[in-house]
Amino acid sequence: MKKLILSIAVSTFAAGLASSALAADATCAEQAAAKKLAGAAKNSFIKKCEGGGATAPSACEGQAKEKKLHGAAKSSFVKKCEADAAAK
C-alpha cells in the first residue's frame, strides 16, 4: 500500500514538473505578477524561479506533508532534506 501511495505521489510530482516547465515560457517576473506578489514575497519567488530552486524544496515539502509534520518538526525536516539534496 505504501509503495502504491509513493508511486502515485511521484507520478503527481512529475506531472507537476511537466506543467511547470510549460509555464516556464513566461518570465519569472511575469509569473510573480500573475500571482500578485509584492515586496519580499516577490523577490523570494523570483530568486527561486530563476535559480531553479523550486524543485528540491517542493519535493521536501511533499515528503514533510506525507509524514504529517508541522511547525518546528516540519521546518527542521525540510531544512535537512534540502541540505541533503544539495549535497548530492
PDB file of N, CA and C in Angstrom:
ATOM      1  N   MET A   1       0.821  -1.180   0.000  1.00  0.00           N
ATOM      2  CA  MET A   1       0.000   0.000   0.000  1.00  0.00           C
ATOM      3  C   MET A   1       0.873   1.255   0.000  1.00  0.00           C
ATOM      4  N   LYS A   2       1.949   1.228   0.821  1.00  0.00           N
ATOM      5  CA  LYS A   2       2.840   2.381   0.877  1.00  0.00           C
ATOM      6  C   LYS A   2       3.523   2.611  -0.468  1.00  0.00           C
ATOM      7  N   LYS A   3       3.885   1.499  -1.157  1.00  0.00           N
ATOM      8  CA  LYS A   3       4.529   1.633  -2.462  1.00  0.00           C
ATOM      9  C   LYS A   3       3.578   2.260  -3.471  1.00  0.00           C
ATOM     10  N   LEU A   4       2.310   1.897  -3.394  1.00  0.00           N
ATOM     11  CA  LEU A   4       1.311   2.462  -4.296  1.00  0.00           C
ATOM     12  C   LEU A   4       1.160   3.957  -4.057  1.00  0.00           C
ATOM     13  N   ILE A   5       1.065   4.350  -2.801  1.00  0.00           N
ATOM     14  CA  ILE A   5       0.922   5.767  -2.462  1.00  0.00           C
ATOM     15  C   ILE A   5       2.165   6.543  -2.899  1.00  0.00           C
ATOM     16  N   LEU A   6       3.328   5.961  -2.676  1.00  0.00           N
ATOM     17  CA  LEU A   6       4.569   6.620  -3.072  1.00  0.00           C
ATOM     18  C   LEU A   6       4.643   6.780  -4.583  1.00  0.00           C
ATOM     19  N   SER A   7       4.253   5.739  -5.329  1.00  0.00           N
ATOM     20  CA  SER A   7       4.308   5.844  -6.786  1.00  0.00           C
ATOM     21  C   SER A   7       3.308   6.869  -7.307  1.00  0.00           C
ATOM     22  N   ILE A   8       2.156   6.973  -6.672  1.00  0.00           N
ATOM     23  CA  ILE A   8       1.167   7.989  -7.068  1.00  0.00           C
ATOM     24  C   ILE A   8       1.719   9.377  -6.776  1.00  0.00           C
ATOM     25  N   ALA A   9       2.343   9.545  -5.626  1.00  0.00           N
ATOM     26  CA  ALA A   9       2.913  10.843  -5.267  1.00  0.00           C
ATOM     27  C   ALA A   9       4.012  11.246  -6.239  1.00  0.00           C
ATOM     28  N   VAL A  10       4.866  10.302  -6.603  1.00  0.00           N
ATOM     29  CA  VAL A  10       5.950  10.589  -7.541  1.00  0.00           C
ATOM     30  C   VAL A  10       5.381  10.941  -8.910  1.00  0.00           C
ATOM     31  N   SER A  11       4.370  10.210  -9.341  1.00  0.00           N
ATOM     32  CA  SER A  11       3.737  10.494 -10.637  1.00  0.00           C
ATOM     33  C   SER A  11       3.110  11.880 -10.643  1.00  0.00           C
ATOM     34  N   THR A  12       2.431  12.210  -9.559  1.00  0.00           N
ATOM     35  CA  THR A  12       1.800  13.528  -9.450  1.00  0.00           C
ATOM     36  C   THR A  12       2.853  14.620  -9.468  1.00  0.00           C
ATOM     37  N   PHE A  13       3.949  14.397  -8.761  1.00  0.00           N
ATOM     38  CA  PHE A  13       5.038  15.365  -8.725  1.00  0.00           C
ATOM     39  C   PHE A  13       5.642  15.545 -10.113  1.00  0.00           C
ATOM     40  N   ALA A  14       5.861  14.444 -10.833  1.00  0.00           N
ATOM     41  CA  ALA A  14       6.427  14.514 -12.180  1.00  0.00           C
ATOM     42  C   ALA A  14       5.493  15.264 -13.123  1.00  0.00           C
ATOM     43  N   ALA A  15       4.194  15.029 -12.995  1.00  0.00           N
ATOM     44  CA  ALA A  15       3.226  15.742 -13.829  1.00  0.00           C
ATOM     45  C   ALA A  15       3.264  17.234 -13.518  1.00  0.00           C
ATOM     46  N   GLY A  16       3.435  17.578 -12.265  1.00  0.00           N
ATOM     47  CA  GLY A  16       3.536  18.977 -11.868  1.00  0.00           C
ATOM     48  C   GLY A  16       4.768  19.633 -12.455  1.00  0.00           C
ATOM     49  N   LEU A  17       5.874  18.885 -12.520  1.00  0.00           N
ATOM     50  CA  LEU A  17       7.089  19.428 -13.119  1.00  0.00           C
ATOM     51  C   LEU A  17       6.892  19.694 -14.603  1.00  0.00           C
ATOM     52  N   ALA A  18       6.182  18.800 -15.272  1.00  0.00           N
ATOM     53  CA  ALA A  18       5.936  18.985 -16.698  1.00  0.00           C
ATOM     54  C   ALA A  18       5.094  20.225 -16.944  1.00  0.00           C
ATOM     55  N   SER A  19       4.069  20.424 -16.122  1.00  0.00           N
ATOM     56  CA  SER A  19       3.229  21.604 -16.316  1.00  0.00           C
ATOM     57  C   SER A  19       3.968  22.877 -15.942  1.00  0.00           C
ATOM     58  N   SER A  20       4.861  22.807 -14.950  1.00  0.00           N
ATOM     59  CA  SER A  20       5.628  23.997 -14.599  1.00  0.00           C
ATOM     60  C   SER A  20       6.658  24.305 -15.674  1.00  0.00           C
ATOM     61  N   ALA A  21       7.129  23.285 -16.383  1.00  0.00           N
ATOM     62  CA  ALA A  21       8.057  23.523 -17.483  1.00  0.00           C
ATOM     63  C   ALA A  21       7.354  24.272 -18.608  1.00  0.00           C
ATOM     64  N   LEU A  22       6.084  23.975 -18.828  1.00  0.00           N
ATOM     65  CA  LEU A  22       5.319  24.704 -19.828  1.00  0.00           C
ATOM     66  C   LEU A  22       5.118  26.148 -19.405  1.00  0.00           C
ATOM     67  N   ALA A  23       4.934  26.356 -18.111  1.00  0.00           N
ATOM     68  CA  ALA A  23       4.737  27.708 -17.599  1.00  0.00           C
ATOM     69  C   ALA A  23       6.047  28.486 -17.575  1.00  0.00           C
ATOM     70  N   ALA A  24       7.166  27.808 -17.749  1.00  0.00           N
ATOM     71  CA  ALA A  24       8.460  28.467 -17.725  1.00  0.00           C
ATOM     72  C   ALA A  24       8.650  29.389 -18.926  1.00  0.00           C
ATOM     73  N   ASP A  25       7.767  29.278 -19.941  1.00  0.00           N
ATOM     74  CA  ASP A  25       7.853  30.179 -21.082  1.00  0.00           C
ATOM     75  C   ASP A  25       7.668  31.621 -20.632  1.00  0.00           C
ATOM     76  N   ALA A  26       6.816  31.824 -19.645  1.00  0.00           N
ATOM     77  CA  ALA A  26       6.631  33.164 -19.088  1.00  0.00           C
ATOM     78  C   ALA A  26       7.828  33.453 -18.184  1.00  0.00           C
ATOM     79  N   THR A  27       8.273  34.697 -18.162  1.00  0.00           N
ATOM     80  CA  THR A  27       9.412  35.025 -17.313  1.00  0.00           C
ATOM     81  C   THR A  27       9.008  34.935 -15.849  1.00  0.00           C
ATOM     82  N   CYS A  28       9.985  34.866 -15.004  1.00  0.00           N
ATOM     83  CA  CYS A  28       9.724  34.779 -13.571  1.00  0.00           C
ATOM     84  C   CYS A  28       8.983  36.023 -13.075  1.00  0.00           C
ATOM     85  N   ALA A  29       9.339  37.181 -13.611  1.00  0.00           N
ATOM     86  CA  ALA A  29       8.666  38.414 -13.207  1.00  0.00           C
ATOM     87  C   ALA A  29       7.193  38.398 -13.619  1.00  0.00           C
ATOM     88  N   GLU A  30       6.911  37.843 -14.810  1.00  0.00           N
ATOM     89  CA  GLU A  30       5.521  37.744 -15.266  1.00  0.00           C
ATOM     90  C   GLU A  30       4.726  36.784 -14.375  1.00  0.00           C
ATOM     91  N   GLN A  31       5.370  35.689 -13.982  1.00  0.00           N
ATOM     92  CA  GLN A  31       4.708  34.728 -13.098  1.00  0.00           C
ATOM     93  C   GLN A  31       4.412  35.367 -11.745  1.00  0.00           C
ATOM     94  N   ALA A  32       5.358  36.146 -11.229  1.00  0.00           N
ATOM     95  CA  ALA A  32       5.156  36.820  -9.945  1.00  0.00           C
ATOM     96  C   ALA A  32       4.011  37.828 -10.051  1.00  0.00           C
ATOM     97  N   ALA A  33       3.953  38.531 -11.183  1.00  0.00           N
ATOM     98  CA  ALA A  33       2.872  39.495 -11.390  1.00  0.00           C
ATOM     99  C   ALA A  33       1.526  38.790 -11.473  1.00  0.00           C
ATOM    100  N   ALA A  34       1.495  37.640 -12.144  1.00  0.00           N
ATOM    101  CA  ALA A  34       0.253  36.880 -12.261  1.00  0.00           C
ATOM    102  C   ALA A  34      -0.226  36.391 -10.897  1.00  0.00           C
ATOM    103  N   LYS A  35       0.727  36.113 -10.003  1.00  0.00           N
ATOM    104  CA  LYS A  35       0.385  35.667  -8.652  1.00  0.00           C
ATOM    105  C   LYS A  35       0.137  36.841  -7.717  1.00  0.00           C
ATOM    106  N   LYS A  36       0.294  38.049  -8.243  1.00  0.00           N
ATOM    107  CA  LYS A  36       0.089  39.284  -7.486  1.00  0.00           C
ATOM    108  C   LYS A  36       0.997  39.361  -6.256  1.00  0.00           C
ATOM    109  N   LEU A  37       2.259  38.969  -6.452  1.00  0.00           N
ATOM    110  CA  LEU A  37       3.228  39.029  -5.368  1.00  0.00           C
ATOM    111  C   LEU A  37       3.873  40.410  -5.333  1.00  0.00           C
ATOM    112  N   ALA A  38       4.267  40.834  -4.154  1.00  0.00           N
ATOM    113  CA  ALA A  38       4.914  42.133  -3.999  1.00  0.00           C
ATOM    114  C   ALA A  38       5.948  42.055  -2.884  1.00  0.00           C
ATOM    115  N   GLY A  39       6.887  42.966  -2.904  1.00  0.00           N
ATOM    116  CA  GLY A  39       7.880  43.073  -1.835  1.00  0.00           C
ATOM    117  C   GLY A  39       8.764  41.853  -1.705  1.00  0.00           C
ATOM    118  N   ALA A  40       8.965  41.432  -0.464  1.00  0.00           N
ATOM    119  CA  ALA A  40       9.856  40.324  -0.164  1.00  0.00           C
ATOM    120  C   ALA A  40       9.359  39.019  -0.773  1.00  0.00           C
ATOM    121  N   ALA A  41       8.044  38.819  -0.802  1.00  0.00           N
ATOM    122  CA  ALA A  41       7.496  37.593  -1.385  1.00  0.00           C
ATOM    123  C   ALA A  41       7.822  37.524  -2.877  1.00  0.00           C
ATOM    124  N   LYS A  42       7.709  38.655  -3.554  1.00  0.00           N
ATOM    125  CA  LYS A  42       8.029  38.708  -4.982  1.00  0.00           C
ATOM    126  C   LYS A  42       9.516  38.431  -5.208  1.00  0.00           C
ATOM    127  N   ASN A  43      10.361  39.081  -4.418  1.00  0.00           N
ATOM    128  CA  ASN A  43      11.802  38.883  -4.561  1.00  0.00           C
ATOM    129  C   ASN A  43      12.201  37.439  -4.311  1.00  0.00           C
ATOM    130  N   SER A  44      11.621  36.837  -3.290  1.00  0.00           N
ATOM    131  CA  SER A  44      11.911  35.444  -2.971  1.00  0.00           C
ATOM    132  C   SER A  44      11.461  34.520  -4.098  1.00  0.00           C
ATOM    133  N   PHE A  45      10.257  34.773  -4.616  1.00  0.00           N
ATOM    134  CA  PHE A  45       9.728  33.946  -5.701  1.00  0.00           C
ATOM    135  C   PHE A  45      10.624  34.041  -6.933  1.00  0.00           C
ATOM    136  N   ILE A  46      10.999  35.252  -7.308  1.00  0.00           N
ATOM    137  CA  ILE A  46      11.825  35.450  -8.498  1.00  0.00           C
ATOM    138  C   ILE A  46      13.186  34.781  -8.315  1.00  0.00           C
ATOM    139  N   LYS A  47      13.763  34.907  -7.123  1.00  0.00           N
ATOM    140  CA  LYS A  47      15.060  34.288  -6.848  1.00  0.00           C
ATOM    141  C   LYS A  47      14.982  32.772  -7.006  1.00  0.00           C
ATOM    142  N   LYS A  48      13.945  32.158  -6.445  1.00  0.00           N
ATOM    143  CA  LYS A  48      13.776  30.708  -6.562  1.00  0.00           C
ATOM    144  C   LYS A  48      13.479  30.315  -7.998  1.00  0.00           C
ATOM    145  N   CYS A  49      12.667  31.098  -8.674  1.00  0.00           N
ATOM    146  CA  CYS A  49      12.284  30.808 -10.050  1.00  0.00           C
ATOM    147  C   CYS A  49      13.502  30.834 -10.968  1.00  0.00           C
ATOM    148  N   GLU A  50      14.299  31.856 -10.872  1.00  0.00           N
ATOM    149  CA  GLU A  50      15.470  31.996 -11.730  1.00  0.00           C
ATOM    150  C   GLU A  50      16.555  30.987 -11.391  1.00  0.00           C
ATOM    151  N   GLY A  51      16.650  30.626 -10.124  1.00  0.00           N
ATOM    152  CA  GLY A  51      17.678  29.677  -9.707  1.00  0.00           C
ATOM    153  C   GLY A  51      17.253  28.235  -9.866  1.00  0.00           C
ATOM    154  N   GLY A  52      15.998  28.011 -10.203  1.00  0.00           N
ATOM    155  CA  GLY A  52      15.514  26.649 -10.325  1.00  0.00           C
ATOM    156  C   GLY A  52      15.444  25.937  -8.984  1.00  0.00           C
ATOM    157  N   GLY A  53      15.466  26.672  -7.897  1.00  0.00           N
ATOM    158  CA  GLY A  53      15.463  26.065  -6.568  1.00  0.00           C
ATOM    159  C   GLY A  53      14.108  25.576  -6.129  1.00  0.00           C
ATOM    160  N   ALA A  54      13.082  25.680  -6.924  1.00  0.00           N
ATOM    161  CA  ALA A  54      11.755  25.266  -6.537  1.00  0.00           C
ATOM    162  C   ALA A  54      11.576  23.768  -6.538  1.00  0.00           C
ATOM    163  N   THR A  55      12.429  23.051  -7.258  1.00  0.00           N
ATOM    164  CA  THR A  55      12.262  21.619  -7.369  1.00  0.00           C
ATOM    165  C   THR A  55      12.533  20.891  -6.062  1.00  0.00           C
ATOM    166  N   ALA A  56      13.721  21.069  -5.476  1.00  0.00           N
ATOM    167  CA  ALA A  56      14.065  20.356  -4.258  1.00  0.00           C
ATOM    168  C   ALA A  56      13.172  20.730  -3.087  1.00  0.00           C
ATOM    169  N   PRO A  57      12.926  22.009  -2.831  1.00  0.00           N
ATOM    170  CA  PRO A  57      12.055  22.329  -1.707  1.00  0.00           C
ATOM    171  C   PRO A  57      10.656  21.739  -1.848  1.00  0.00           C
ATOM    172  N   SER A  58      10.104  21.751  -3.036  1.00  0.00           N
ATOM    173  CA  SER A  58       8.765  21.206  -3.178  1.00  0.00           C
ATOM    174  C   SER A  58       8.760  19.706  -2.908  1.00  0.00           C
ATOM    175  N   ALA A  59       9.817  19.013  -3.299  1.00  0.00           N
ATOM    176  CA  ALA A  59       9.915  17.582  -3.014  1.00  0.00           C
ATOM    177  C   ALA A  59      10.026  17.356  -1.515  1.00  0.00           C
ATOM    178  N   CYS A  60      10.830  18.165  -0.855  1.00  0.00           N
ATOM    179  CA  CYS A  60      10.989  18.037   0.592  1.00  0.00           C
ATOM    180  C   CYS A  60       9.708  18.422   1.316  1.00  0.00           C
ATOM    181  N   GLU A  61       9.048  19.466   0.829  1.00  0.00           N
ATOM    182  CA  GLU A  61       7.769  19.870   1.420  1.00  0.00           C
ATOM    183  C   GLU A  61       6.750  18.738   1.274  1.00  0.00           C
ATOM    184  N   GLY A  62       6.748  18.100   0.119  1.00  0.00           N
ATOM    185  CA  GLY A  62       5.831  16.990  -0.116  1.00  0.00           C
ATOM    186  C   GLY A  62       6.088  15.827   0.828  1.00  0.00           C
ATOM    187  N   GLN A  63       7.362  15.542   1.056  1.00  0.00           N
ATOM    188  CA  GLN A  63       7.714  14.468   1.984  1.00  0.00           C
ATOM    189  C   GLN A  63       7.276  14.819   3.397  1.00  0.00           C
ATOM    190  N   ALA A  64       7.449  16.076   3.782  1.00  0.00           N
ATOM    191  CA  ALA A  64       7.037  16.506   5.115  1.00  0.00           C
ATOM    192  C   ALA A  64       5.525  16.391   5.263  1.00  0.00           C
ATOM    193  N   LYS A  65       4.810  16.716   4.194  1.00  0.00           N
ATOM    194  CA  LYS A  65       3.353  16.617   4.228  1.00  0.00           C
ATOM    195  C   LYS A  65       2.916  15.158   4.357  1.00  0.00           C
ATOM    196  N   GLU A  66       3.582  14.264   3.615  1.00  0.00           N
ATOM    197  CA  GLU A  66       3.273  12.838   3.705  1.00  0.00           C
ATOM    198  C   GLU A  66       3.495  12.312   5.123  1.00  0.00           C
ATOM    199  N   LYS A  67       4.524  12.848   5.787  1.00  0.00           N
ATOM    200  CA  LYS A  67       4.834  12.422   7.150  1.00  0.00           C
ATOM    201  C   LYS A  67       3.991  13.164   8.184  1.00  0.00           C
ATOM    202  N   LYS A  68       3.126  14.062   7.704  1.00  0.00           N
ATOM    203  CA  LYS A  68       2.231  14.850   8.553  1.00  0.00           C
ATOM    204  C   LYS A  68       3.000  15.653   9.599  1.00  0.00           C
ATOM    205  N   LEU A  69       4.091  16.281   9.158  1.00  0.00           N
ATOM    206  CA  LEU A  69       4.892  17.107  10.055  1.00  0.00           C
ATOM    207  C   LEU A  69       4.379  18.538  10.033  1.00  0.00           C
ATOM    208  N   HIS A  70       4.459  19.202  11.165  1.00  0.00           N
ATOM    209  CA  HIS A  70       4.008  20.588  11.292  1.00  0.00           C
ATOM    210  C   HIS A  70       4.973  21.350  12.190  1.00  0.00           C
ATOM    211  N   GLY A  71       4.972  22.655  12.049  1.00  0.00           N
ATOM    212  CA  GLY A  71       5.749  23.521  12.929  1.00  0.00           C
ATOM    213  C   GLY A  71       7.236  23.298  12.845  1.00  0.00           C
ATOM    214  N   ALA A  72       7.867  23.258  14.003  1.00  0.00           N
ATOM    215  CA  ALA A  72       9.324  23.137  14.081  1.00  0.00           C
ATOM    216  C   ALA A  72       9.818  21.819  13.499  1.00  0.00           C
ATOM    217  N   ALA A  73       9.060  20.746  13.687  1.00  0.00           N
ATOM    218  CA  ALA A  73       9.469  19.452  13.142  1.00  0.00           C
ATOM    219  C   ALA A  73       9.513  19.505  11.618  1.00  0.00           C
ATOM    220  N   LYS A  74       8.519  20.157  11.022  1.00  0.00           N
ATOM    221  CA  LYS A  74       8.471  20.294   9.566  1.00  0.00           C
ATOM    222  C   LYS A  74       9.641  21.147   9.083  1.00  0.00           C
ATOM    223  N   SER A  75       9.861  22.278   9.741  1.00  0.00           N
ATOM    224  CA  SER A  75      10.950  23.169   9.347  1.00  0.00           C
ATOM    225  C   SER A  75      12.295  22.465   9.413  1.00  0.00           C
ATOM    226  N   SER A  76      12.510  21.733  10.492  1.00  0.00           N
ATOM    227  CA  SER A  76      13.766  21.011  10.671  1.00  0.00           C
ATOM    228  C   SER A  76      13.934  19.943   9.591  1.00  0.00           C
ATOM    229  N   PHE A  77      12.871  19.193   9.324  1.00  0.00           N
ATOM    230  CA  PHE A  77      12.928  18.136   8.314  1.00  0.00           C
ATOM    231  C   PHE A  77      13.228  18.717   6.937  1.00  0.00           C
ATOM    232  N   VAL A  78      12.514  19.783   6.561  1.00  0.00           N
ATOM    233  CA  VAL A  78      12.690  20.389   5.236  1.00  0.00           C
ATOM    234  C   VAL A  78      14.103  20.944   5.097  1.00  0.00           C
ATOM    235  N   LYS A  79      14.619  21.587   6.138  1.00  0.00           N
ATOM    236  CA  LYS A  79      15.970  22.148   6.098  1.00  0.00           C
ATOM    237  C   LYS A  79      17.001  21.050   5.874  1.00  0.00           C
ATOM    238  N   LYS A  80      16.874  19.944   6.622  1.00  0.00           N
ATOM    239  CA  LYS A  80      17.819  18.835   6.474  1.00  0.00           C
ATOM    240  C   LYS A  80      17.668  18.183   5.106  1.00  0.00           C
ATOM    241  N   CYS A  81      16.437  18.004   4.652  1.00  0.00           N
ATOM    242  CA  CYS A  81      16.175  17.389   3.353  1.00  0.00           C
ATOM    243  C   CYS A  81      16.811  18.223   2.224  1.00  0.00           C
ATOM    244  N   GLU A  82      16.635  19.537   2.285  1.00  0.00           N
ATOM    245  CA  GLU A  82      17.212  20.418   1.260  1.00  0.00           C
ATOM    246  C   GLU A  82      18.723  20.391   1.296  1.00  0.00           C
ATOM    247  N   ALA A  83      19.302  20.333   2.502  1.00  0.00           N
ATOM    248  CA  ALA A  83      20.755  20.267   2.637  1.00  0.00           C
ATOM    249  C   ALA A  83      21.280  18.955   2.050  1.00  0.00           C
ATOM    250  N   ASP A  84      20.582  17.863   2.329  1.00  0.00           N
ATOM    251  CA  ASP A  84      20.980  16.574   1.789  1.00  0.00           C
ATOM    252  C   ASP A  84      20.876  16.562   0.264  1.00  0.00           C
ATOM    253  N   ALA A  85      19.807  17.174  -0.262  1.00  0.00           N
ATOM    254  CA  ALA A  85      19.622  17.233  -1.715  1.00  0.00           C
ATOM    255  C   ALA A  85      20.717  18.066  -2.373  1.00  0.00           C
ATOM    256  N   ALA A  86      21.124  19.137  -1.718  1.00  0.00           N
ATOM    257  CA  ALA A  86      22.174  19.999  -2.259  1.00  0.00           C
ATOM    258  C   ALA A  86      23.525  19.299  -2.237  1.00  0.00           C
ATOM    259  N   ALA A  87      23.711  18.419  -1.265  1.00  0.00           N
ATOM    260  CA  ALA A  87      24.988  17.714  -1.129  1.00  0.00           C
ATOM    261  C   ALA A  87      25.167  16.635  -2.188  1.00  0.00           C
ATOM    262  N   LYS A  88      24.081  16.197  -2.797  1.00  0.00           N
ATOM    263  CA  LYS A  88      24.167  15.120  -3.796  1.00  0.00           C
ATOM    264  C   LYS A  88      24.677  15.610  -5.079  1.00  0.00           C
TER     265      LYS A  88
END
